[in-house]
Amino acid sequence: MPSMKIKIALLSSLVVFARLAAADILSADTAVFMQPDPKSHVLTRLKSGNTIIYTGDAPAGWRRVEISGSFEAYAQNRDITKGLEVQEGASIHTAPKKDSPVLTVAQPGDKTEVIGLATGDWCQIKLDKKLQGFIATSANANTPGETKPAFAVTAPAAPAGPVTTIGRAVPLTGNTADMPRLFAGRLVLARRPILNPNPPYDYQLTDTSGRRFAYVDTKRLLLTDKIETYLDSQISISGTVRNTVDGKDLVIAAESMSLK
């Protein structure tokens, strides 16, 4: 009878073989869908030559795969913490709409970061997480006509200048805390006789519901027009974000401002 050491070696070999059998190298560019349905949301497109890992069961004609990388997604403002992260248990969506597909639910250990305001009461975020999706065994199902992937596993090259799309970060340094970002909202006076008689800053940026997203520090702001021109208007602000001294609120150190 084989010894215990031989049995362990055989079991280890079987595990390694099973792992190898669960991986494959793509022979063509392949779409990864959220669901086993060619009409569902496309997570990303994997290039030919990439190694994919099959995991779990999938319906006939599909394979469940595991992908990792940085993904752009959306979360509601109410689910964003003062540390510019998505709070645990909050839904992370593929678009800034309540009826959009839920990409995942924020879990302990997930790395999330707000990169700007989106439309309505939503923030655009960056999510670093391992996700599962589906690829079709049919070649036609992997090439949907008008579907545009919303997430990229490989980050694109940093642009040379500021990004003008609302909610996009402006790459500046390797330290994300010092990275200017672009925000959109309504600029209003922060001082309110009853609710906020002594605010730390004179101005604040609010969302469509009138809720304060962040105070606005205008010390570094150079404007050709008086700031009153921007009050009670929808604007775009570029600047870095930090916490207030008491840590209870956010403040945008504005570098530029424009009317929408």
Protein backbone atom coordinates (compact mmCIF):
# COMPACT_ATOMS: atom_id res chain seq x y z
CA MET A 1 0.00 0.00 0.00
CA PRO A 2 1.27 3.51 -0.79
CA SER A 3 2.70 5.43 2.11
CA MET A 4 1.07 8.56 3.55
CA LYS A 5 3.77 10.73 1.92
CA ILE A 6 3.00 9.25 -1.51
CA LYS A 7 -0.73 9.81 -0.98
CA ILE A 8 -0.11 13.45 -0.05
CA ALA A 9 2.12 13.91 -3.10
CA LEU A 10 -0.57 12.39 -5.35
CA LEU A 11 -3.24 14.64 -3.86
CA SER A 12 -1.02 17.69 -4.31
CA SER A 13 -0.44 16.77 -7.94
CA LEU A 14 -4.17 16.41 -8.51
CA VAL A 15 -4.82 19.83 -6.96
CA VAL A 16 -2.17 21.42 -9.19
CA PHE A 17 -3.62 19.66 -12.25
CA ALA A 18 -7.13 20.83 -11.35
CA ARG A 19 -5.91 24.40 -11.03
CA LEU A 20 -4.16 24.24 -14.40
CA ALA A 21 -7.26 22.74 -15.99
CA ALA A 22 -9.32 25.62 -14.61
CA ALA A 23 -7.20 28.18 -16.48
CA ASP A 24 -6.95 28.95 -20.16
CA ILE A 25 -5.19 31.32 -22.56
CA LEU A 26 -7.49 33.38 -24.78
CA SER A 27 -6.99 32.94 -28.50
CA ALA A 28 -9.04 36.05 -29.33
CA ASP A 29 -10.28 39.27 -27.71
CA THR A 30 -13.13 38.27 -25.42
CA ALA A 31 -15.92 40.17 -23.68
CA VAL A 32 -16.61 39.47 -20.01
CA PHE A 33 -20.31 39.90 -19.15
CA MET A 34 -21.87 40.49 -15.74
CA GLN A 35 -24.43 37.76 -16.39
CA PRO A 36 -24.56 34.73 -18.71
CA ASP A 37 -26.44 36.82 -21.25
CA PRO A 38 -24.90 38.61 -24.27
CA LYS A 39 -27.27 41.54 -23.63
CA SER A 40 -26.02 42.06 -20.07
CA HIS A 41 -23.47 44.64 -19.01
CA VAL A 42 -19.90 44.18 -20.26
CA LEU A 43 -17.38 44.34 -17.42
CA THR A 44 -14.34 44.48 -19.68
CA ARG A 45 -12.76 43.05 -22.79
CA LEU A 46 -9.78 40.78 -22.34
CA LYS A 47 -7.08 40.81 -24.98
CA SER A 48 -5.93 37.74 -26.85
CA GLY A 49 -3.14 35.96 -24.98
CA ASN A 50 -4.46 36.79 -21.51
CA THR A 51 -4.75 33.92 -19.05
CA ILE A 52 -8.20 33.52 -17.53
CA ILE A 53 -9.24 31.49 -14.51
CA TYR A 54 -12.47 29.53 -14.61
CA THR A 55 -14.32 29.39 -11.32
CA GLY A 56 -17.65 27.92 -10.24
CA ASP A 57 -20.54 26.67 -12.31
CA ALA A 58 -22.12 28.38 -15.30
CA PRO A 59 -25.08 27.67 -17.61
CA ALA A 60 -24.53 25.69 -20.79
CA GLY A 61 -22.61 27.72 -23.37
CA TRP A 62 -20.93 29.92 -20.75
CA ARG A 63 -17.88 29.85 -18.49
CA ARG A 64 -17.62 31.72 -15.19
CA VAL A 65 -14.33 33.61 -14.92
CA GLU A 66 -12.46 35.65 -12.35
CA ILE A 67 -10.95 39.04 -13.18
CA SER A 68 -9.13 41.62 -11.08
CA GLY A 69 -8.11 45.22 -11.58
CA SER A 70 -9.41 48.76 -11.21
CA PHE A 71 -13.00 49.41 -12.20
CA GLU A 72 -14.93 52.66 -12.49
CA ALA A 73 -18.38 52.56 -10.94
CA TYR A 74 -20.95 54.67 -9.07
CA ALA A 75 -22.34 54.96 -5.56
CA GLN A 76 -24.93 57.23 -3.99
CA ASN A 77 -23.63 60.25 -2.08
CA ARG A 78 -25.27 59.01 1.11
CA ASP A 79 -23.11 55.88 0.97
CA ILE A 80 -19.81 57.82 0.86
CA THR A 81 -17.86 58.16 4.10
CA LYS A 82 -15.87 61.21 5.19
CA GLY A 83 -12.78 59.30 4.13
CA LEU A 84 -14.04 59.33 0.50
CA GLU A 85 -14.76 55.61 0.55
CA VAL A 86 -17.92 53.57 -0.01
CA GLN A 87 -19.31 52.36 3.29
CA GLU A 88 -19.64 48.62 3.88
CA GLY A 89 -22.90 47.06 2.69
CA ALA A 90 -23.61 49.79 0.13
CA SER A 91 -24.49 48.87 -3.45
CA ILE A 92 -22.00 49.83 -6.15
CA HIS A 93 -23.68 50.39 -9.51
CA THR A 94 -22.56 50.33 -13.13
CA ALA A 95 -24.23 53.70 -13.82
CA PRO A 96 -25.45 56.69 -11.73
CA LYS A 97 -29.04 55.41 -11.69
CA LYS A 98 -30.97 53.40 -9.08
CA ASP A 99 -32.24 50.97 -11.70
CA SER A 100 -28.77 50.31 -13.13
CA PRO A 101 -27.17 46.88 -12.56
CA VAL A 102 -25.44 46.43 -9.20
CA LEU A 103 -21.81 45.61 -9.87
CA THR A 104 -21.11 44.49 -6.29
CA VAL A 105 -21.78 45.28 -2.66
CA ALA A 106 -18.98 46.96 -0.71
CA GLN A 107 -17.32 44.46 1.62
CA PRO A 108 -14.70 44.81 4.37
CA GLY A 109 -11.29 45.11 2.75
CA ASP A 110 -12.56 46.51 -0.56
CA LYS A 111 -10.51 49.44 -1.87
CA THR A 112 -12.78 52.23 -3.07
CA GLU A 113 -12.04 55.87 -3.78
CA VAL A 114 -14.28 58.75 -4.84
CA ILE A 115 -12.95 60.38 -8.01
CA GLY A 116 -15.72 62.94 -8.47
CA LEU A 117 -19.40 63.79 -8.56
CA ALA A 118 -21.65 62.26 -11.20
CA THR A 119 -25.17 63.29 -12.18
CA GLY A 120 -27.78 63.73 -9.47
CA ASP A 121 -26.99 62.35 -6.02
CA TRP A 122 -24.22 60.05 -7.21
CA CYS A 123 -20.45 59.87 -6.93
CA GLN A 124 -18.12 58.28 -9.41
CA ILE A 125 -15.71 55.88 -7.72
CA LYS A 126 -12.74 53.68 -8.47
CA LEU A 127 -12.99 50.11 -7.20
CA ASP A 128 -10.04 47.74 -6.82
CA LYS A 129 -11.49 44.28 -6.39
CA LYS A 130 -11.55 40.76 -7.79
CA LEU A 131 -14.83 40.20 -9.64
CA GLN A 132 -16.54 37.31 -11.35
CA GLY A 133 -18.15 37.44 -14.76
CA PHE A 134 -19.05 35.22 -17.70
CA ILE A 135 -17.63 34.57 -21.14
CA ALA A 136 -19.58 32.83 -23.87
CA THR A 137 -18.30 29.76 -25.65
CA SER A 138 -19.98 31.06 -28.80
CA ALA A 139 -17.71 33.49 -30.67
CA ASN A 140 -20.66 35.63 -31.77
CA ALA A 141 -21.79 36.20 -28.19
CA ASN A 142 -18.41 37.70 -27.36
CA THR A 143 -18.74 40.54 -29.84
CA PRO A 144 -21.95 42.50 -29.06
CA GLY A 145 -22.49 45.25 -31.61
CA GLU A 146 -23.06 48.48 -29.66
CA THR A 147 -22.12 47.43 -26.13
CA LYS A 148 -19.36 49.55 -24.66
CA PRO A 149 -17.43 48.20 -21.66
CA ALA A 150 -17.59 50.56 -18.68
CA PHE A 151 -14.57 49.23 -16.85
CA ALA A 152 -10.97 48.63 -17.73
CA VAL A 153 -8.80 45.97 -16.13
CA THR A 154 -5.69 47.75 -17.39
CA ALA A 155 -5.59 51.44 -16.49
CA PRO A 156 -5.19 53.79 -19.50
CA ALA A 157 -2.20 56.08 -19.81
CA ALA A 158 -2.49 59.31 -17.85
CA PRO A 159 -3.52 62.28 -20.01
CA ALA A 160 -1.13 65.18 -20.42
CA GLY A 161 -3.56 67.81 -19.13
CA PRO A 162 -6.66 68.09 -16.93
CA VAL A 163 -9.61 65.86 -17.75
CA THR A 164 -12.75 67.85 -18.47
CA THR A 165 -15.31 65.08 -18.05
CA ILE A 166 -17.25 65.57 -14.82
CA GLY A 167 -16.12 63.16 -12.15
CA ARG A 168 -12.79 62.20 -13.70
CA ALA A 169 -9.61 62.53 -11.67
CA VAL A 170 -6.81 64.71 -12.97
CA PRO A 171 -3.54 62.71 -12.72
CA LEU A 172 -0.89 64.90 -11.11
CA THR A 173 1.24 62.93 -8.67
CA GLY A 174 1.50 59.41 -7.34
CA ASN A 175 -0.17 60.51 -4.11
CA THR A 176 -3.93 60.39 -4.68
CA ALA A 177 -4.51 62.71 -1.72
CA ASP A 178 -2.72 65.46 -3.68
CA MET A 179 -4.46 64.69 -6.96
CA PRO A 180 -6.81 67.41 -8.27
CA ARG A 181 -10.28 66.17 -9.14
CA LEU A 182 -13.20 67.64 -11.03
CA PHE A 183 -16.51 68.09 -9.21
CA ALA A 184 -19.89 69.40 -10.26
CA GLY A 185 -22.74 70.85 -8.22
CA ARG A 186 -24.37 74.09 -7.09
CA LEU A 187 -22.24 76.71 -5.36
CA VAL A 188 -24.08 78.35 -2.45
CA LEU A 189 -23.27 80.33 0.67
CA ALA A 190 -22.43 78.07 3.59
CA ARG A 191 -23.64 80.46 6.28
CA ARG A 192 -27.19 79.80 7.49
CA PRO A 193 -28.55 81.78 10.46
CA ILE A 194 -29.98 78.75 12.28
CA LEU A 195 -28.53 75.57 10.79
CA ASN A 196 -24.95 76.69 10.19
CA PRO A 197 -24.29 80.16 11.65
CA ASN A 198 -20.48 79.85 11.83
CA PRO A 199 -19.24 77.63 9.00
CA PRO A 200 -15.49 77.03 8.58
CA TYR A 201 -15.70 78.29 4.97
CA ASP A 202 -17.89 80.83 3.21
CA TYR A 203 -19.02 78.60 0.35
CA GLN A 204 -20.15 75.02 -0.17
CA LEU A 205 -20.98 72.69 -3.05
CA THR A 206 -24.38 70.98 -2.91
CA ASP A 207 -25.98 68.17 -4.90
CA THR A 208 -29.40 68.24 -6.58
CA SER A 209 -31.17 67.60 -3.28
CA GLY A 210 -29.49 70.64 -1.67
CA ARG A 211 -27.30 68.45 0.55
CA ARG A 212 -23.78 69.72 1.14
CA PHE A 213 -21.17 67.56 -0.51
CA ALA A 214 -18.19 69.66 0.53
CA TYR A 215 -17.13 73.11 1.63
CA VAL A 216 -15.17 75.15 -0.93
CA ASP A 217 -11.89 76.82 0.03
CA THR A 218 -11.35 79.72 -2.39
CA LYS A 219 -7.93 80.93 -1.14
CA ARG A 220 -6.03 79.53 -4.14
CA LEU A 221 -8.76 80.34 -6.64
CA LEU A 222 -7.97 82.84 -9.39
CA LEU A 223 -11.10 84.10 -11.16
CA THR A 224 -11.55 86.64 -13.93
CA ASP A 225 -15.13 87.23 -12.71
CA LYS A 226 -16.36 87.94 -9.21
CA ILE A 227 -17.31 84.82 -7.28
CA GLU A 228 -20.85 86.16 -6.93
CA THR A 229 -21.22 85.32 -10.63
CA TYR A 230 -21.07 81.62 -9.72
CA LEU A 231 -23.37 81.68 -6.68
CA ASP A 232 -26.58 79.64 -6.89
CA SER A 233 -25.45 78.22 -10.23
CA GLN A 234 -24.41 74.78 -11.46
CA ILE A 235 -20.63 74.83 -11.71
CA SER A 236 -17.58 72.65 -12.21
CA ILE A 237 -14.70 72.90 -9.71
CA SER A 238 -11.23 71.49 -10.05
CA GLY A 239 -9.25 71.03 -6.84
CA THR A 240 -7.91 68.71 -4.17
CA VAL A 241 -10.09 67.25 -1.44
CA ARG A 242 -9.36 66.93 2.27
CA ASN A 243 -11.21 66.68 5.55
CA THR A 244 -12.03 69.69 7.67
CA VAL A 245 -10.05 70.09 10.91
CA ASP A 246 -12.74 68.34 12.97
CA GLY A 247 -12.97 65.54 10.41
CA LYS A 248 -16.72 65.89 10.07
CA ASP A 249 -16.87 67.37 6.57
CA LEU A 250 -15.03 67.52 3.27
CA VAL A 251 -13.48 70.63 1.77
CA ILE A 252 -12.42 71.23 -1.83
CA ALA A 253 -9.35 73.46 -2.22
CA ALA A 254 -10.53 75.05 -5.47
CA GLU A 255 -8.01 75.73 -8.21
CA SER A 256 -10.41 76.57 -11.04
CA MET A 257 -14.14 77.12 -11.41
CA SER A 258 -16.48 77.40 -14.40
CA LEU A 259 -20.21 77.64 -15.05
CA LYS A 260 -21.86 74.58 -16.55
